[in-house]
């Protein structure tokens, strides 16, 4: 996988986790919460989980590919209101 310059990744970006580097979350999409000199911290949404629906994870440099920017982040007022009103995708 090509090395990504950390300056190209910022909070709110979405990266895909390299399946060869990280078996547990192979090919999952992660929302970046922090950019560190060693890599990224972020979370993966786990649908259908009661309580915490986020799996927090760390990915070393070279263990991910940037795929875009998250349009909505959990914790956004609109997304939280939508969920409080009993909406779901399922």
Protein backbone atom coordinates (compact mmCIF):
# COMPACT_ATOMS: atom_id res chain seq x y z
CA UNK A 1 0.00 0.00 0.00
CA UNK A 2 1.32 3.45 -0.89
CA UNK A 3 2.52 5.62 1.98
CA UNK A 4 0.19 8.55 2.64
CA UNK A 5 1.55 11.86 3.84
CA UNK A 6 -0.04 12.54 7.26
CA UNK A 7 -0.70 16.12 6.15
CA UNK A 8 -3.17 14.67 3.62
CA UNK A 9 -5.28 13.13 6.40
CA UNK A 10 -7.19 15.13 8.99
CA UNK A 11 -9.90 14.75 11.61
CA UNK A 12 -13.17 13.70 9.98
CA UNK A 13 -11.54 11.92 7.06
CA UNK A 14 -12.46 8.33 6.28
CA UNK A 15 -9.74 5.75 5.73
CA UNK A 16 -9.95 2.08 4.79
CA UNK A 17 -7.86 -0.25 6.92
CA UNK A 18 -5.31 -2.39 5.07
CA UNK A 19 -6.39 -6.06 5.39
CA UNK A 20 -2.79 -7.27 5.21
CA UNK A 21 -1.75 -5.10 8.16
CA UNK A 22 -4.80 -5.41 10.42
CA UNK A 23 -6.69 -8.71 10.37
CA UNK A 24 -9.35 -7.81 12.96
CA UNK A 25 -10.70 -4.80 11.08
CA UNK A 26 -9.54 -5.82 7.60
CA UNK A 27 -10.97 -3.50 4.93
CA UNK A 28 -13.22 -1.65 7.45
CA UNK A 29 -13.81 2.06 7.12
CA UNK A 30 -12.55 4.21 10.00
CA UNK A 31 -13.43 7.83 10.83
CA UNK A 32 -10.26 9.67 11.87
CA UNK A 33 -10.40 11.42 15.26
CA UNK A 34 -6.67 12.17 15.70
CA UNK A 35 -3.62 12.33 13.44
CA UNK A 36 -0.42 11.32 15.26
CA UNK A 37 3.20 11.15 14.05
CA UNK A 38 3.02 7.32 14.13
CA UNK A 39 -0.37 7.01 12.37
CA UNK A 40 -4.08 7.56 13.02
CA UNK A 41 -6.64 7.08 15.76
CA UNK A 42 -10.31 6.78 14.99
CA UNK A 43 -13.45 4.72 15.24
CA UNK A 44 -15.36 2.16 13.24
CA UNK A 45 -19.16 2.21 13.51
CA UNK A 46 -20.61 -1.13 14.60
CA UNK A 47 -24.31 -1.15 13.59
CA UNK A 48 -26.88 -2.83 15.81
CA UNK A 49 -24.81 -2.66 18.99
CA UNK A 50 -26.63 -1.49 22.11
CA UNK A 51 -24.67 1.05 24.11
CA UNK A 52 -21.38 2.01 22.48
CA UNK A 53 -21.62 1.62 18.73
CA UNK A 54 -18.01 2.60 18.11
CA UNK A 55 -14.91 0.44 18.07
CA UNK A 56 -11.93 2.74 18.66
CA UNK A 57 -8.76 1.75 16.85
CA UNK A 58 -5.21 2.85 16.01
CA UNK A 59 -3.61 2.35 12.62
CA UNK A 60 0.12 2.77 11.98
CA UNK A 61 1.41 4.72 9.00
CA UNK A 62 1.05 2.71 5.82
CA UNK A 63 -1.80 0.58 7.24
CA UNK A 64 -4.63 2.53 5.61
CA UNK A 65 -5.79 4.33 2.50
CA UNK A 66 -7.72 7.61 2.53
CA UNK A 67 -11.08 7.19 0.81
CA UNK A 68 -12.79 10.49 1.52
CA UNK A 69 -14.32 12.77 4.11
CA UNK A 70 -17.21 11.87 6.40
CA UNK A 71 -20.25 14.00 5.60
CA UNK A 72 -21.85 13.29 8.98
CA UNK A 73 -20.09 12.41 12.21
CA UNK A 74 -21.77 10.79 15.20
CA UNK A 75 -22.18 13.50 17.76
CA UNK A 76 -23.54 15.85 15.12
CA UNK A 77 -26.73 17.44 16.43
CA UNK A 78 -28.80 16.45 13.37
CA UNK A 79 -27.69 12.80 13.46
CA UNK A 80 -28.31 12.52 17.20
CA UNK A 81 -31.79 14.08 16.87
CA UNK A 82 -32.66 11.66 14.07
CA UNK A 83 -31.68 8.70 16.28
CA UNK A 84 -33.52 10.06 19.35
CA UNK A 85 -36.68 10.21 17.26
CA UNK A 86 -36.47 6.44 16.87
CA UNK A 87 -35.24 6.36 13.29
CA UNK A 88 -32.97 3.63 12.01
CA UNK A 89 -31.79 2.21 8.73
CA UNK A 90 -32.94 -1.32 9.62
